[in-house]
Amino acid sequence: MMDEAVFFDTLREGLWVAVITSFPILTVALLAGVIVGLFQALTSIQEMTLTFVPKLAAIVGVFWVSMGFMAQTLVDFFQQAIVPLIAGG
């Protein structure tokens, strides 16, 4: 049976891994949104696709670049935290 402390520690560690893996994508989405928003404010262009397309392109690019880091972080978390709990260690 899993102890409450082990459960909450694993949950805390899992949430931290989620923050670490999502940080690059969220940062780029924020920066792209601010840059496009400034561009729209300066040029008075209010086209909806102008906000969507650059943000999507930036997110896809950063995801492609950081995919190895994200996958390795998740694999390490599962191998070090989840698999031992499943195996009963």
PDB file of N, CA and C in Angstrom:
ATOM      1  N   MET A   1       0.836  -1.184   0.000  1.00  0.00           N
ATOM      2  CA  MET A   1       0.000   0.000   0.000  1.00  0.00           C
ATOM      3  C   MET A   1       0.884   1.253   0.000  1.00  0.00           C
ATOM      4  N   MET A   2       0.475   2.263  -0.754  1.00  0.00           N
ATOM      5  CA  MET A   2       1.268   3.470  -0.870  1.00  0.00           C
ATOM      6  C   MET A   2       0.945   4.422   0.286  1.00  0.00           C
ATOM      7  N   ASP A   3       2.004   4.934   0.901  1.00  0.00           N
ATOM      8  CA  ASP A   3       1.869   5.887   1.988  1.00  0.00           C
ATOM      9  C   ASP A   3       1.448   7.246   1.429  1.00  0.00           C
ATOM     10  N   GLU A   4       0.761   8.054   2.234  1.00  0.00           N
ATOM     11  CA  GLU A   4       0.321   9.379   1.772  1.00  0.00           C
ATOM     12  C   GLU A   4       1.505  10.267   1.414  1.00  0.00           C
ATOM     13  N   ALA A   5       2.559  10.192   2.185  1.00  0.00           N
ATOM     14  CA  ALA A   5       3.734  11.027   1.919  1.00  0.00           C
ATOM     15  C   ALA A   5       4.357  10.676   0.573  1.00  0.00           C
ATOM     16  N   VAL A   6       4.418   9.393   0.259  1.00  0.00           N
ATOM     17  CA  VAL A   6       4.972   8.962  -1.026  1.00  0.00           C
ATOM     18  C   VAL A   6       4.071   9.434  -2.159  1.00  0.00           C
ATOM     19  N   PHE A   7       2.761   9.332  -1.968  1.00  0.00           N
ATOM     20  CA  PHE A   7       1.808   9.774  -2.983  1.00  0.00           C
ATOM     21  C   PHE A   7       1.960  11.268  -3.267  1.00  0.00           C
ATOM     22  N   PHE A   8       1.969  12.080  -2.216  1.00  0.00           N
ATOM     23  CA  PHE A   8       2.048  13.525  -2.413  1.00  0.00           C
ATOM     24  C   PHE A   8       3.413  13.954  -2.937  1.00  0.00           C
ATOM     25  N   ASP A   9       4.471  13.261  -2.530  1.00  0.00           N
ATOM     26  CA  ASP A   9       5.797  13.567  -3.055  1.00  0.00           C
ATOM     27  C   ASP A   9       5.880  13.251  -4.550  1.00  0.00           C
ATOM     28  N   THR A  10       5.311  12.130  -4.946  1.00  0.00           N
ATOM     29  CA  THR A  10       5.290  11.753  -6.366  1.00  0.00           C
ATOM     30  C   THR A  10       4.413  12.712  -7.162  1.00  0.00           C
ATOM     31  N   LEU A  11       3.293  13.109  -6.603  1.00  0.00           N
ATOM     32  CA  LEU A  11       2.424  14.076  -7.259  1.00  0.00           C
ATOM     33  C   LEU A  11       3.126  15.418  -7.426  1.00  0.00           C
ATOM     34  N   ARG A  12       3.815  15.878  -6.391  1.00  0.00           N
ATOM     35  CA  ARG A  12       4.563  17.134  -6.460  1.00  0.00           C
ATOM     36  C   ARG A  12       5.652  17.062  -7.518  1.00  0.00           C
ATOM     37  N   GLU A  13       6.363  15.958  -7.550  1.00  0.00           N
ATOM     38  CA  GLU A  13       7.420  15.781  -8.545  1.00  0.00           C
ATOM     39  C   GLU A  13       6.837  15.721  -9.961  1.00  0.00           C
ATOM     40  N   GLY A  14       5.696  15.077 -10.121  1.00  0.00           N
ATOM     41  CA  GLY A  14       5.049  15.015 -11.428  1.00  0.00           C
ATOM     42  C   GLY A  14       4.583  16.378 -11.906  1.00  0.00           C
ATOM     43  N   LEU A  15       4.053  17.189 -10.997  1.00  0.00           N
ATOM     44  CA  LEU A  15       3.645  18.542 -11.366  1.00  0.00           C
ATOM     45  C   LEU A  15       4.854  19.392 -11.751  1.00  0.00           C
ATOM     46  N   TRP A  16       5.964  19.202 -11.048  1.00  0.00           N
ATOM     47  CA  TRP A  16       7.182  19.943 -11.381  1.00  0.00           C
ATOM     48  C   TRP A  16       7.698  19.535 -12.767  1.00  0.00           C
ATOM     49  N   VAL A  17       7.633  18.260 -13.082  1.00  0.00           N
ATOM     50  CA  VAL A  17       8.040  17.797 -14.418  1.00  0.00           C
ATOM     51  C   VAL A  17       7.132  18.411 -15.481  1.00  0.00           C
ATOM     52  N   ALA A  18       5.843  18.518 -15.194  1.00  0.00           N
ATOM     53  CA  ALA A  18       4.913  19.146 -16.140  1.00  0.00           C
ATOM     54  C   ALA A  18       5.267  20.610 -16.363  1.00  0.00           C
ATOM     55  N   VAL A  19       5.643  21.306 -15.306  1.00  0.00           N
ATOM     56  CA  VAL A  19       6.043  22.712 -15.432  1.00  0.00           C
ATOM     57  C   VAL A  19       7.313  22.826 -16.260  1.00  0.00           C
ATOM     58  N   ILE A  20       8.293  21.988 -15.972  1.00  0.00           N
ATOM     59  CA  ILE A  20       9.577  22.047 -16.685  1.00  0.00           C
ATOM     60  C   ILE A  20       9.391  21.732 -18.169  1.00  0.00           C
ATOM     61  N   THR A  21       8.587  20.729 -18.493  1.00  0.00           N
ATOM     62  CA  THR A  21       8.431  20.358 -19.901  1.00  0.00           C
ATOM     63  C   THR A  21       7.582  21.352 -20.678  1.00  0.00           C
ATOM     64  N   SER A  22       6.657  22.040 -20.013  1.00  0.00           N
ATOM     65  CA  SER A  22       5.808  22.992 -20.734  1.00  0.00           C
ATOM     66  C   SER A  22       6.399  24.395 -20.781  1.00  0.00           C
ATOM     67  N   PHE A  23       7.424  24.667 -20.006  1.00  0.00           N
ATOM     68  CA  PHE A  23       7.986  26.015 -19.923  1.00  0.00           C
ATOM     69  C   PHE A  23       8.475  26.567 -21.262  1.00  0.00           C
ATOM     70  N   PRO A  24       9.239  25.821 -22.072  1.00  0.00           N
ATOM     71  CA  PRO A  24       9.701  26.408 -23.348  1.00  0.00           C
ATOM     72  C   PRO A  24       8.558  26.803 -24.276  1.00  0.00           C
ATOM     73  N   ILE A  25       7.547  25.960 -24.393  1.00  0.00           N
ATOM     74  CA  ILE A  25       6.434  26.238 -25.298  1.00  0.00           C
ATOM     75  C   ILE A  25       5.610  27.420 -24.790  1.00  0.00           C
ATOM     76  N   LEU A  26       5.325  27.452 -23.504  1.00  0.00           N
ATOM     77  CA  LEU A  26       4.533  28.552 -22.962  1.00  0.00           C
ATOM     78  C   LEU A  26       5.271  29.875 -23.044  1.00  0.00           C
ATOM     79  N   THR A  27       6.581  29.855 -22.839  1.00  0.00           N
ATOM     80  CA  THR A  27       7.374  31.081 -22.936  1.00  0.00           C
ATOM     81  C   THR A  27       7.349  31.637 -24.353  1.00  0.00           C
ATOM     82  N   VAL A  28       7.543  30.768 -25.334  1.00  0.00           N
ATOM     83  CA  VAL A  28       7.536  31.227 -26.724  1.00  0.00           C
ATOM     84  C   VAL A  28       6.148  31.699 -27.133  1.00  0.00           C
ATOM     85  N   ALA A  29       5.102  31.029 -26.678  1.00  0.00           N
ATOM     86  CA  ALA A  29       3.741  31.468 -26.993  1.00  0.00           C
ATOM     87  C   ALA A  29       3.475  32.854 -26.404  1.00  0.00           C
ATOM     88  N   LEU A  30       3.952  33.087 -25.184  1.00  0.00           N
ATOM     89  CA  LEU A  30       3.786  34.392 -24.563  1.00  0.00           C
ATOM     90  C   LEU A  30       4.541  35.466 -25.331  1.00  0.00           C
ATOM     91  N   LEU A  31       5.793  35.201 -25.659  1.00  0.00           N
ATOM     92  CA  LEU A  31       6.594  36.180 -26.393  1.00  0.00           C
ATOM     93  C   LEU A  31       6.015  36.463 -27.777  1.00  0.00           C
ATOM     94  N   ALA A  32       5.599  35.424 -28.472  1.00  0.00           N
ATOM     95  CA  ALA A  32       5.009  35.613 -29.799  1.00  0.00           C
ATOM     96  C   ALA A  32       3.710  36.405 -29.696  1.00  0.00           C
ATOM     97  N   GLY A  33       2.903  36.142 -28.697  1.00  0.00           N
ATOM     98  CA  GLY A  33       1.664  36.883 -28.507  1.00  0.00           C
ATOM     99  C   GLY A  33       1.899  38.358 -28.223  1.00  0.00           C
ATOM    100  N   VAL A  34       2.906  38.641 -27.387  1.00  0.00           N
ATOM    101  CA  VAL A  34       3.226  40.036 -27.071  1.00  0.00           C
ATOM    102  C   VAL A  34       3.755  40.760 -28.308  1.00  0.00           C
ATOM    103  N   ILE A  35       4.646  40.112 -29.051  1.00  0.00           N
ATOM    104  CA  ILE A  35       5.212  40.738 -30.245  1.00  0.00           C
ATOM    105  C   ILE A  35       4.134  40.999 -31.293  1.00  0.00           C
ATOM    106  N   VAL A  36       3.284  40.025 -31.540  1.00  0.00           N
ATOM    107  CA  VAL A  36       2.217  40.203 -32.525  1.00  0.00           C
ATOM    108  C   VAL A  36       1.211  41.249 -32.036  1.00  0.00           C
ATOM    109  N   GLY A  37       0.926  41.249 -30.742  1.00  0.00           N
ATOM    110  CA  GLY A  37       0.023  42.250 -30.187  1.00  0.00           C
ATOM    111  C   GLY A  37       0.572  43.663 -30.338  1.00  0.00           C
ATOM    112  N   LEU A  38       1.879  43.822 -30.087  1.00  0.00           N
ATOM    113  CA  LEU A  38       2.505  45.126 -30.295  1.00  0.00           C
ATOM    114  C   LEU A  38       2.461  45.533 -31.759  1.00  0.00           C
ATOM    115  N   PHE A  39       2.731  44.581 -32.644  1.00  0.00           N
ATOM    116  CA  PHE A  39       2.674  44.866 -34.079  1.00  0.00           C
ATOM    117  C   PHE A  39       1.270  45.297 -34.489  1.00  0.00           C
ATOM    118  N   GLN A  40       0.261  44.610 -33.977  1.00  0.00           N
ATOM    119  CA  GLN A  40      -1.122  44.965 -34.309  1.00  0.00           C
ATOM    120  C   GLN A  40      -1.488  46.337 -33.745  1.00  0.00           C
ATOM    121  N   ALA A  41      -1.010  46.644 -32.551  1.00  0.00           N
ATOM    122  CA  ALA A  41      -1.320  47.950 -31.962  1.00  0.00           C
ATOM    123  C   ALA A  41      -0.637  49.080 -32.724  1.00  0.00           C
ATOM    124  N   LEU A  42       0.588  48.820 -33.182  1.00  0.00           N
ATOM    125  CA  LEU A  42       1.315  49.864 -33.908  1.00  0.00           C
ATOM    126  C   LEU A  42       0.780  50.091 -35.313  1.00  0.00           C
ATOM    127  N   THR A  43       0.265  49.057 -35.949  1.00  0.00           N
ATOM    128  CA  THR A  43      -0.189  49.180 -37.337  1.00  0.00           C
ATOM    129  C   THR A  43      -1.705  49.248 -37.465  1.00  0.00           C
ATOM    130  N   SER A  44      -2.432  49.112 -36.382  1.00  0.00           N
ATOM    131  CA  SER A  44      -3.905  49.122 -36.361  1.00  0.00           C
ATOM    132  C   SER A  44      -4.502  48.029 -37.237  1.00  0.00           C
ATOM    133  N   ILE A  45      -3.788  46.928 -37.400  1.00  0.00           N
ATOM    134  CA  ILE A  45      -4.313  45.764 -38.122  1.00  0.00           C
ATOM    135  C   ILE A  45      -4.975  44.853 -37.093  1.00  0.00           C
ATOM    136  N   GLN A  46      -6.239  44.539 -37.287  1.00  0.00           N
ATOM    137  CA  GLN A  46      -6.964  43.703 -36.336  1.00  0.00           C
ATOM    138  C   GLN A  46      -7.409  42.386 -36.986  1.00  0.00           C
ATOM    139  N   GLU A  47      -6.520  41.732 -37.645  1.00  0.00           N
ATOM    140  CA  GLU A  47      -6.816  40.453 -38.300  1.00  0.00           C
ATOM    141  C   GLU A  47      -6.601  39.317 -37.298  1.00  0.00           C
ATOM    142  N   MET A  48      -7.581  38.435 -37.154  1.00  0.00           N
ATOM    143  CA  MET A  48      -7.495  37.354 -36.171  1.00  0.00           C
ATOM    144  C   MET A  48      -6.436  36.322 -36.534  1.00  0.00           C
ATOM    145  N   THR A  49      -6.283  36.047 -37.830  1.00  0.00           N
ATOM    146  CA  THR A  49      -5.285  35.043 -38.221  1.00  0.00           C
ATOM    147  C   THR A  49      -3.868  35.546 -38.001  1.00  0.00           C
ATOM    148  N   LEU A  50      -3.700  36.851 -37.904  1.00  0.00           N
ATOM    149  CA  LEU A  50      -2.361  37.398 -37.667  1.00  0.00           C
ATOM    150  C   LEU A  50      -1.855  37.013 -36.281  1.00  0.00           C
ATOM    151  N   THR A  51      -2.734  36.839 -35.320  1.00  0.00           N
ATOM    152  CA  THR A  51      -2.291  36.402 -33.994  1.00  0.00           C
ATOM    153  C   THR A  51      -2.100  34.893 -33.943  1.00  0.00           C
ATOM    154  N   PHE A  52      -2.896  34.163 -34.687  1.00  0.00           N
ATOM    155  CA  PHE A  52      -2.882  32.703 -34.589  1.00  0.00           C
ATOM    156  C   PHE A  52      -1.697  32.065 -35.315  1.00  0.00           C
ATOM    157  N   VAL A  53      -1.451  32.472 -36.537  1.00  0.00           N
ATOM    158  CA  VAL A  53      -0.448  31.797 -37.371  1.00  0.00           C
ATOM    159  C   VAL A  53       0.975  31.956 -36.840  1.00  0.00           C
ATOM    160  N   PRO A  54       1.444  33.161 -36.499  1.00  0.00           N
ATOM    161  CA  PRO A  54       2.815  33.266 -35.966  1.00  0.00           C
ATOM    162  C   PRO A  54       2.996  32.532 -34.637  1.00  0.00           C
ATOM    163  N   LYS A  55       1.968  32.589 -33.784  1.00  0.00           N
ATOM    164  CA  LYS A  55       2.053  31.896 -32.503  1.00  0.00           C
ATOM    165  C   LYS A  55       2.132  30.382 -32.707  1.00  0.00           C
ATOM    166  N   LEU A  56       1.318  29.876 -33.620  1.00  0.00           N
ATOM    167  CA  LEU A  56       1.340  28.443 -33.914  1.00  0.00           C
ATOM    168  C   LEU A  56       2.683  28.026 -34.507  1.00  0.00           C
ATOM    169  N   ALA A  57       3.214  28.827 -35.418  1.00  0.00           N
ATOM    170  CA  ALA A  57       4.515  28.514 -36.023  1.00  0.00           C
ATOM    171  C   ALA A  57       5.623  28.520 -34.971  1.00  0.00           C
ATOM    172  N   ALA A  58       5.603  29.491 -34.072  1.00  0.00           N
ATOM    173  CA  ALA A  58       6.615  29.552 -33.020  1.00  0.00           C
ATOM    174  C   ALA A  58       6.501  28.357 -32.077  1.00  0.00           C
ATOM    175  N   ILE A  59       5.280  27.980 -31.724  1.00  0.00           N
ATOM    176  CA  ILE A  59       5.073  26.840 -30.823  1.00  0.00           C
ATOM    177  C   ILE A  59       5.544  25.549 -31.477  1.00  0.00           C
ATOM    178  N   VAL A  60       5.205  25.346 -32.745  1.00  0.00           N
ATOM    179  CA  VAL A  60       5.627  24.129 -33.446  1.00  0.00           C
ATOM    180  C   VAL A  60       7.146  24.081 -33.560  1.00  0.00           C
ATOM    181  N   GLY A  61       7.765  25.217 -33.860  1.00  0.00           N
ATOM    182  CA  GLY A  61       9.223  25.256 -33.966  1.00  0.00           C
ATOM    183  C   GLY A  61       9.909  24.930 -32.655  1.00  0.00           C
ATOM    184  N   VAL A  62       9.447  25.515 -31.569  1.00  0.00           N
ATOM    185  CA  VAL A  62      10.056  25.247 -30.260  1.00  0.00           C
ATOM    186  C   VAL A  62       9.774  23.819 -29.823  1.00  0.00           C
ATOM    187  N   PHE A  63       8.588  23.320 -30.119  1.00  0.00           N
ATOM    188  CA  PHE A  63       8.281  21.928 -29.777  1.00  0.00           C
ATOM    189  C   PHE A  63       9.222  20.979 -30.519  1.00  0.00           C
ATOM    190  N   TRP A  64       9.457  21.260 -31.783  1.00  0.00           N
ATOM    191  CA  TRP A  64      10.342  20.405 -32.580  1.00  0.00           C
ATOM    192  C   TRP A  64      11.763  20.439 -32.031  1.00  0.00           C
ATOM    193  N   VAL A  65      12.227  21.630 -31.626  1.00  0.00           N
ATOM    194  CA  VAL A  65      13.590  21.761 -31.103  1.00  0.00           C
ATOM    195  C   VAL A  65      13.720  21.116 -29.726  1.00  0.00           C
ATOM    196  N   SER A  66      12.718  21.281 -28.862  1.00  0.00           N
ATOM    197  CA  SER A  66      12.828  20.803 -27.488  1.00  0.00           C
ATOM    198  C   SER A  66      12.167  19.440 -27.253  1.00  0.00           C
ATOM    199  N   MET A  67      11.774  18.766 -28.305  1.00  0.00           N
ATOM    200  CA  MET A  67      11.100  17.478 -28.164  1.00  0.00           C
ATOM    201  C   MET A  67      11.983  16.439 -27.466  1.00  0.00           C
ATOM    202  N   GLY A  68      13.260  16.392 -27.784  1.00  0.00           N
ATOM    203  CA  GLY A  68      14.166  15.439 -27.150  1.00  0.00           C
ATOM    204  C   GLY A  68      14.296  15.690 -25.663  1.00  0.00           C
ATOM    205  N   PHE A  69      14.421  16.968 -25.281  1.00  0.00           N
ATOM    206  CA  PHE A  69      14.507  17.328 -23.863  1.00  0.00           C
ATOM    207  C   PHE A  69      13.241  16.918 -23.119  1.00  0.00           C
ATOM    208  N   MET A  70      12.085  17.192 -23.719  1.00  0.00           N
ATOM    209  CA  MET A  70      10.812  16.853 -23.071  1.00  0.00           C
ATOM    210  C   MET A  70      10.655  15.344 -22.905  1.00  0.00           C
ATOM    211  N   ALA A  71      10.962  14.614 -23.955  1.00  0.00           N
ATOM    212  CA  ALA A  71      10.835  13.159 -23.893  1.00  0.00           C
ATOM    213  C   ALA A  71      11.786  12.574 -22.858  1.00  0.00           C
ATOM    214  N   GLN A  72      13.022  13.056 -22.828  1.00  0.00           N
ATOM    215  CA  GLN A  72      14.004  12.527 -21.868  1.00  0.00           C
ATOM    216  C   GLN A  72      13.602  12.866 -20.436  1.00  0.00           C
ATOM    217  N   THR A  73      13.051  14.047 -20.219  1.00  0.00           N
ATOM    218  CA  THR A  73      12.589  14.430 -18.879  1.00  0.00           C
ATOM    219  C   THR A  73      11.457  13.521 -18.416  1.00  0.00           C
ATOM    220  N   LEU A  74      10.513  13.248 -19.298  1.00  0.00           N
ATOM    221  CA  LEU A  74       9.403  12.363 -18.937  1.00  0.00           C
ATOM    222  C   LEU A  74       9.862  10.926 -18.708  1.00  0.00           C
ATOM    223  N   VAL A  75      10.761  10.442 -19.556  1.00  0.00           N
ATOM    224  CA  VAL A  75      11.277   9.077 -19.394  1.00  0.00           C
ATOM    225  C   VAL A  75      12.034   8.954 -18.082  1.00  0.00           C
ATOM    226  N   ASP A  76      12.863   9.941 -17.740  1.00  0.00           N
ATOM    227  CA  ASP A  76      13.592   9.905 -16.469  1.00  0.00           C
ATOM    228  C   ASP A  76      12.640   9.899 -15.282  1.00  0.00           C
ATOM    229  N   PHE A  77      11.590  10.724 -15.358  1.00  0.00           N
ATOM    230  CA  PHE A  77      10.619  10.754 -14.257  1.00  0.00           C
ATOM    231  C   PHE A  77       9.935   9.402 -14.085  1.00  0.00           C
ATOM    232  N   PHE A  78       9.516   8.808 -15.184  1.00  0.00           N
ATOM    233  CA  PHE A  78       8.835   7.519 -15.082  1.00  0.00           C
ATOM    234  C   PHE A  78       9.773   6.426 -14.602  1.00  0.00           C
ATOM    235  N   GLN A  79      11.013   6.432 -15.076  1.00  0.00           N
ATOM    236  CA  GLN A  79      11.949   5.385 -14.663  1.00  0.00           C
ATOM    237  C   GLN A  79      12.377   5.541 -13.210  1.00  0.00           C
ATOM    238  N   GLN A  80      12.496   6.769 -12.732  1.00  0.00           N
ATOM    239  CA  GLN A  80      12.994   6.984 -11.371  1.00  0.00           C
ATOM    240  C   GLN A  80      11.881   7.064 -10.319  1.00  0.00           C
ATOM    241  N   ALA A  81      10.675   7.455 -10.715  1.00  0.00           N
ATOM    242  CA  ALA A  81       9.621   7.666  -9.716  1.00  0.00           C
ATOM    243  C   ALA A  81       8.441   6.716  -9.880  1.00  0.00           C
ATOM    244  N   ILE A  82       7.950   6.534 -11.090  1.00  0.00           N
ATOM    245  CA  ILE A  82       6.709   5.782 -11.268  1.00  0.00           C
ATOM    246  C   ILE A  82       6.951   4.273 -11.315  1.00  0.00           C
ATOM    247  N   VAL A  83       7.920   3.840 -12.109  1.00  0.00           N
ATOM    248  CA  VAL A  83       8.173   2.393 -12.254  1.00  0.00           C
ATOM    249  C   VAL A  83       8.533   1.745 -10.912  1.00  0.00           C
ATOM    250  N   PRO A  84       9.384   2.353 -10.069  1.00  0.00           N
ATOM    251  CA  PRO A  84       9.631   1.719  -8.751  1.00  0.00           C
ATOM    252  C   PRO A  84       8.373   1.604  -7.893  1.00  0.00           C
ATOM    253  N   LEU A  85       7.455   2.568  -8.014  1.00  0.00           N
ATOM    254  CA  LEU A  85       6.211   2.469  -7.243  1.00  0.00           C
ATOM    255  C   LEU A  85       5.341   1.332  -7.745  1.00  0.00           C
ATOM    256  N   ILE A  86       5.320   1.157  -9.073  1.00  0.00           N
ATOM    257  CA  ILE A  86       4.529   0.071  -9.654  1.00  0.00           C
ATOM    258  C   ILE A  86       5.135  -1.270  -9.290  1.00  0.00           C
ATOM    259  N   ALA A  87       6.475  -1.335  -9.318  1.00  0.00           N
ATOM    260  CA  ALA A  87       7.167  -2.585  -9.008  1.00  0.00           C
ATOM    261  C   ALA A  87       7.146  -2.913  -7.526  1.00  0.00           C
ATOM    262  N   GLY A  88       6.771  -1.946  -6.699  1.00  0.00           N
ATOM    263  CA  GLY A  88       6.657  -2.213  -5.269  1.00  0.00           C
ATOM    264  C   GLY A  88       7.911  -1.868  -4.509  1.00  0.00           C
ATOM    265  N   GLY A  89       8.757  -1.015  -5.091  1.00  0.00           N
ATOM    266  CA  GLY A  89      10.013  -0.642  -4.424  1.00  0.00           C
ATOM    267  C   GLY A  89       9.819   0.606  -3.726  1.00  0.00           C
TER     268      GLY A  89
END
